[in-house]
Structure formats: structure tokens, C-alpha cells
C-alpha atoms as a PDB file:
ATOM      1  CA  UNK A   1     -20.974-143.228-127.221  1.00  0.00           C
ATOM      2  CA  UNK A   2     -22.667-146.275-125.767  1.00  0.00           C
ATOM      3  CA  UNK A   3     -22.217-144.854-122.265  1.00  0.00           C
ATOM      4  CA  UNK A   4     -23.722-141.515-123.315  1.00  0.00           C
ATOM      5  CA  UNK A   5     -26.838-143.173-124.715  1.00  0.00           C
ATOM      6  CA  UNK A   6     -27.066-145.504-121.719  1.00  0.00           C
ATOM      7  CA  UNK A   7     -26.809-142.566-119.332  1.00  0.00           C
ATOM      8  CA  UNK A   8     -29.545-140.621-121.120  1.00  0.00           C
ATOM      9  CA  UNK A   9     -31.872-143.615-121.319  1.00  0.00           C
ATOM     10  CA  UNK A  10     -31.357-144.560-117.682  1.00  0.00           C
ATOM     11  CA  UNK A  11     -32.052-140.985-116.610  1.00  0.00           C
ATOM     12  CA  UNK A  12     -35.138-140.708-118.838  1.00  0.00           C
ATOM     13  CA  UNK A  13     -36.504-144.011-117.498  1.00  0.00           C
ATOM     14  CA  UNK A  14     -35.945-142.757-113.951  1.00  0.00           C
ATOM     15  CA  UNK A  15     -37.896-139.600-114.799  1.00  0.00           C
ATOM     16  CA  UNK A  16     -40.820-141.713-116.009  1.00  0.00           C
ATOM     17  CA  UNK A  17     -40.737-143.875-112.890  1.00  0.00           C
ATOM     18  CA  UNK A  18     -40.381-141.026-110.412  1.00  0.00           C
ATOM     19  CA  UNK A  19     -42.272-138.127-111.975  1.00  0.00           C
ATOM     20  CA  UNK A  20     -45.068-139.590-114.108  1.00  0.00           C
ATOM     21  CA  UNK A  21     -47.875-142.099-113.752  1.00  0.00           C
ATOM     22  CA  UNK A  22     -47.002-143.760-117.065  1.00  0.00           C
ATOM     23  CA  UNK A  23     -45.941-147.388-117.129  1.00  0.00           C
ATOM     24  CA  UNK A  24     -45.952-148.118-120.863  1.00  0.00           C
ATOM     25  CA  UNK A  25     -42.945-145.951-121.700  1.00  0.00           C
ATOM     26  CA  UNK A  26     -40.707-149.018-122.111  1.00  0.00           C
ATOM     27  CA  UNK A  27     -42.114-149.662-125.597  1.00  0.00           C
ATOM     28  CA  UNK A  28     -41.001-146.249-126.823  1.00  0.00           C
ATOM     29  CA  UNK A  29     -37.683-145.501-128.484  1.00  0.00           C
ATOM     30  CA  UNK A  30     -35.480-143.100-126.558  1.00  0.00           C
ATOM     31  CA  UNK A  31     -36.374-140.100-128.738  1.00  0.00           C
ATOM     32  CA  UNK A  32     -40.063-140.948-128.229  1.00  0.00           C
ATOM     33  CA  UNK A  33     -39.542-141.048-124.477  1.00  0.00           C
ATOM     34  CA  UNK A  34     -37.959-137.602-124.522  1.00  0.00           C
ATOM     35  CA  UNK A  35     -40.756-136.300-126.752  1.00  0.00           C
ATOM     36  CA  UNK A  36     -43.344-137.727-124.350  1.00  0.00           C
ATOM     37  CA  UNK A  37     -41.729-136.073-121.324  1.00  0.00           C
ATOM     38  CA  UNK A  38     -41.803-132.758-123.183  1.00  0.00           C
ATOM     39  CA  UNK A  39     -45.443-133.295-124.167  1.00  0.00           C
ATOM     40  CA  UNK A  40     -46.369-134.006-120.537  1.00  0.00           C
ATOM     41  CA  UNK A  41     -45.066-130.518-119.734  1.00  0.00           C
ATOM     42  CA  UNK A  42     -46.873-129.018-122.768  1.00  0.00           C
ATOM     43  CA  UNK A  43     -43.576-128.284-124.464  1.00  0.00           C
ATOM     44  CA  UNK A  44     -41.901-129.400-127.684  1.00  0.00           C
ATOM     45  CA  UNK A  45     -38.366-130.657-128.254  1.00  0.00           C
ATOM     46  CA  UNK A  46     -36.207-128.641-130.637  1.00  0.00           C
ATOM     47  CA  UNK A  47     -34.508-131.505-132.491  1.00  0.00           C
ATOM     48  CA  UNK A  48     -32.780-129.028-134.841  1.00  0.00           C
ATOM     49  CA  UNK A  49     -30.534-127.469-132.201  1.00  0.00           C
ATOM     50  CA  UNK A  50     -28.210-128.771-129.523  1.00  0.00           C
ATOM     51  CA  UNK A  51     -28.255-130.627-127.287  1.00  0.00           C
ATOM     52  CA  UNK A  52     -30.970-132.615-129.092  1.00  0.00           C
ATOM     53  CA  UNK A  53     -29.434-132.300-132.546  1.00  0.00           C
ATOM     54  CA  UNK A  54     -26.266-133.865-131.137  1.00  0.00           C
ATOM     55  CA  UNK A  55     -28.433-136.499-129.426  1.00  0.00           C
ATOM     56  CA  UNK A  56     -29.598-137.681-132.850  1.00  0.00           C
ATOM     57  CA  UNK A  57     -25.980-137.888-134.013  1.00  0.00           C
ATOM     58  CA  UNK A  58     -24.996-139.854-130.905  1.00  0.00           C
ATOM     59  CA  UNK A  59     -27.874-142.294-131.490  1.00  0.00           C
ATOM     60  CA  UNK A  60     -26.749-142.733-135.118  1.00  0.00           C
ATOM     61  CA  UNK A  61     -23.182-143.492-134.031  1.00  0.00           C
ATOM     62  CA  UNK A  62     -24.386-145.871-131.327  1.00  0.00           C
ATOM     63  CA  UNK A  63     -26.542-147.714-133.880  1.00  0.00           C
ATOM     64  CA  UNK A  64     -23.553-147.894-136.241  1.00  0.00           C
ATOM     65  CA  UNK A  65     -21.440-149.443-133.475  1.00  0.00           C
ATOM     66  CA  UNK A  66     -24.070-151.858-132.184  1.00  0.00           C
ATOM     67  CA  UNK A  67     -25.843-152.929-135.397  1.00  0.00           C
ATOM     68  CA  UNK A  68     -23.060-154.292-137.637  1.00  0.00           C
ATOM     69  CA  UNK A  69     -23.360-153.862-141.414  1.00  0.00           C
ATOM     70  CA  UNK A  70     -20.710-154.938-143.955  1.00  0.00           C
ATOM     71  CA  UNK A  71     -20.979-151.742-146.013  1.00  0.00           C
ATOM     72  CA  UNK A  72     -19.928-149.711-142.980  1.00  0.00           C
ATOM     73  CA  UNK A  73     -16.463-151.266-142.985  1.00  0.00           C
ATOM     74  CA  UNK A  74     -13.397-150.005-144.759  1.00  0.00           C
ATOM     75  CA  UNK A  75      -9.912-151.384-145.289  1.00  0.00           C
ATOM     76  CA  UNK A  76      -6.933-149.443-143.953  1.00  0.00           C
ATOM     77  CA  UNK A  77      -3.410-149.648-145.381  1.00  0.00           C
ATOM     78  CA  UNK A  78      -0.354-150.119-143.168  1.00  0.00           C
ATOM     79  CA  UNK A  79       0.102-146.345-143.497  1.00  0.00           C
ATOM     80  CA  UNK A  80      -3.263-145.716-141.830  1.00  0.00           C
ATOM     81  CA  UNK A  81      -5.045-144.526-145.001  1.00  0.00           C
ATOM     82  CA  UNK A  82      -8.359-145.835-146.331  1.00  0.00           C
ATOM     83  CA  UNK A  83      -7.905-148.073-149.381  1.00  0.00           C
ATOM     84  CA  UNK A  84     -10.058-146.968-152.310  1.00  0.00           C
ATOM     85  CA  UNK A  85     -10.271-149.308-155.289  1.00  0.00           C
ATOM     86  CA  UNK A  86     -12.857-151.387-157.187  1.00  0.00           C
ATOM     87  CA  UNK A  87     -13.530-153.546-154.110  1.00  0.00           C
ATOM     88  CA  UNK A  88     -12.718-151.340-151.117  1.00  0.00           C
ATOM     89  CA  UNK A  89     -14.444-148.132-150.169  1.00  0.00           C
ATOM     90  CA  UNK A  90     -14.013-145.864-147.157  1.00  0.00           C
ATOM     91  CA  UNK A  91     -16.627-146.522-144.479  1.00  0.00           C
ATOM     92  CA  UNK A  92     -19.720-144.314-144.357  1.00  0.00           C
ATOM     93  CA  UNK A  93     -18.649-143.155-140.923  1.00  0.00           C
ATOM     94  CA  UNK A  94     -14.966-142.446-140.356  1.00  0.00           C
ATOM     95  CA  UNK A  95     -13.907-143.626-136.893  1.00  0.00           C
ATOM     96  CA  UNK A  96     -10.878-141.290-137.013  1.00  0.00           C
ATOM     97  CA  UNK A  97     -13.314-138.376-137.072  1.00  0.00           C
ATOM     98  CA  UNK A  98     -16.075-139.819-134.885  1.00  0.00           C
ATOM     99  CA  UNK A  99     -13.741-140.762-132.058  1.00  0.00           C
ATOM    100  CA  UNK A 100     -11.449-137.737-132.190  1.00  0.00           C
ATOM    101  CA  UNK A 101     -10.973-136.338-128.695  1.00  0.00           C
ATOM    102  CA  UNK A 102     -12.779-133.060-129.470  1.00  0.00           C
ATOM    103  CA  UNK A 103     -15.803-134.904-130.850  1.00  0.00           C
ATOM    104  CA  UNK A 104     -15.936-137.272-127.879  1.00  0.00           C
ATOM    105  CA  UNK A 105     -15.896-134.255-125.590  1.00  0.00           C
ATOM    106  CA  UNK A 106     -18.809-132.730-127.551  1.00  0.00           C
ATOM    107  CA  UNK A 107     -20.849-135.948-127.217  1.00  0.00           C
ATOM    108  CA  UNK A 108     -20.132-136.003-123.497  1.00  0.00           C
ATOM    109  CA  UNK A 109     -20.982-132.345-122.914  1.00  0.00           C
ATOM    110  CA  UNK A 110     -24.201-132.498-124.931  1.00  0.00           C
ATOM    111  CA  UNK A 111     -25.229-135.610-122.973  1.00  0.00           C
ATOM    112  CA  UNK A 112     -24.773-133.609-119.777  1.00  0.00           C
ATOM    113  CA  UNK A 113     -26.814-130.743-121.237  1.00  0.00           C
ATOM    114  CA  UNK A 114     -29.670-133.125-122.072  1.00  0.00           C
ATOM    115  CA  UNK A 115     -29.789-134.389-118.499  1.00  0.00           C
ATOM    116  CA  UNK A 116     -29.719-130.826-117.163  1.00  0.00           C
ATOM    117  CA  UNK A 117     -32.406-129.713-119.630  1.00  0.00           C
ATOM    118  CA  UNK A 118     -34.699-132.612-118.758  1.00  0.00           C
ATOM    119  CA  UNK A 119     -34.137-132.057-115.034  1.00  0.00           C
ATOM    120  CA  UNK A 120     -35.008-128.386-115.282  1.00  0.00           C
ATOM    121  CA  UNK A 121     -38.025-129.087-117.484  1.00  0.00           C
ATOM    122  CA  UNK A 122     -39.332-131.640-114.957  1.00  0.00           C
ATOM    123  CA  UNK A 123     -38.710-129.141-112.125  1.00  0.00           C
ATOM    124  CA  UNK A 124     -36.384-131.469-110.246  1.00  0.00           C
ATOM    125  CA  UNK A 125     -34.520-130.041-107.275  1.00  0.00           C
ATOM    126  CA  UNK A 126     -31.041-129.047-108.407  1.00  0.00           C
ATOM    127  CA  UNK A 127     -29.320-131.167-105.771  1.00  0.00           C
ATOM    128  CA  UNK A 128     -30.624-134.258-107.615  1.00  0.00           C
ATOM    129  CA  UNK A 129     -28.657-133.450-110.777  1.00  0.00           C
ATOM    130  CA  UNK A 130     -25.891-131.155-109.531  1.00  0.00           C
ATOM    131  CA  UNK A 131     -23.389-133.961-110.172  1.00  0.00           C
ATOM    132  CA  UNK A 132     -24.021-133.520-113.902  1.00  0.00           C
ATOM    133  CA  UNK A 133     -23.055-129.862-113.760  1.00  0.00           C
ATOM    134  CA  UNK A 134     -19.897-130.619-111.769  1.00  0.00           C
ATOM    135  CA  UNK A 135     -18.785-133.645-113.819  1.00  0.00           C
ATOM    136  CA  UNK A 136     -15.636-133.189-115.953  1.00  0.00           C
ATOM    137  CA  UNK A 137     -14.691-134.860-119.230  1.00  0.00           C
ATOM    138  CA  UNK A 138     -11.740-137.262-119.135  1.00  0.00           C
ATOM    139  CA  UNK A 139     -10.552-138.892-122.368  1.00  0.00           C
ATOM    140  CA  UNK A 140      -8.927-142.285-122.283  1.00  0.00           C
ATOM    141  CA  UNK A 141      -7.904-144.880-124.858  1.00  0.00           C
ATOM    142  CA  UNK A 142      -8.402-148.615-124.656  1.00  0.00           C
ATOM    143  CA  UNK A 143      -6.232-151.038-126.590  1.00  0.00           C
END
């Protein structure tokens, strides 16, 4: 998740540096940067459909991981089930679902689609982003 967001932001920043005359883009949030690139091409972002709908989900998960909040925690029994009682509640985001292999592959693929979409919108030569089209998902576990 963090790598997906980092990849998108790095690519978007590179687009600003290489293909625009803007130098104040650093103050914008990532979604604002994408919106600005679209506006520069007289286009609008469709945030309600993929890959940009998934982008918003990825940002939400990244924020959940990076910006700790007590109410986002849950307690798991030795059997791997969420404990639900007067004190313990399941977390708002279930890591078993968020980090399932299929979901991770979706985040990865939609990240690639965003980079391809932005590249095509900015009329970048395909050889500059061909690596994104050829890249393959590989799932691995840490810990």
C-alpha cells in the first residue's frame, strides 16, 4: 500500500517537473496534483470509476496504516477471531480483508493503470512507461 502511493506520488511529481512549468505543486495533496494535471490538459478525473476510485481506497488504507488511531485497533483471540465484548470491538478496517492476496493484486494493478493513464494523458512516449505495462505482480509475506 505504502509503495503503491509512493510510486504514484513520485511519478506525478516527475510529471510536474518534466512536463509543466509549475513549481508550487508540492503544497498540493496527491489527489489535487492528479486533478491539476488533468486540468492542465482540459480534462476531468473520474473519481467514481477505476483506477481512480481504487486510488481513493488505497489512500484511505495508507492513511490508516501511517496515522495511528486507537479506535482502529481490535483484539484477536488465539483462534484468530476478533473479540467482541463491552470493551473490544473489531477494527474499522479488517487487515485480513485489506491485505488478502487478491486485494493486494488489485491495488497493484490499479496503481499501474494510474501511471499508464497519466502517461497517456500527458502524451509521454510509450518507451518511458513501458516498464509499467510489462511489470508483474508478486505477492510476498514479511514476518
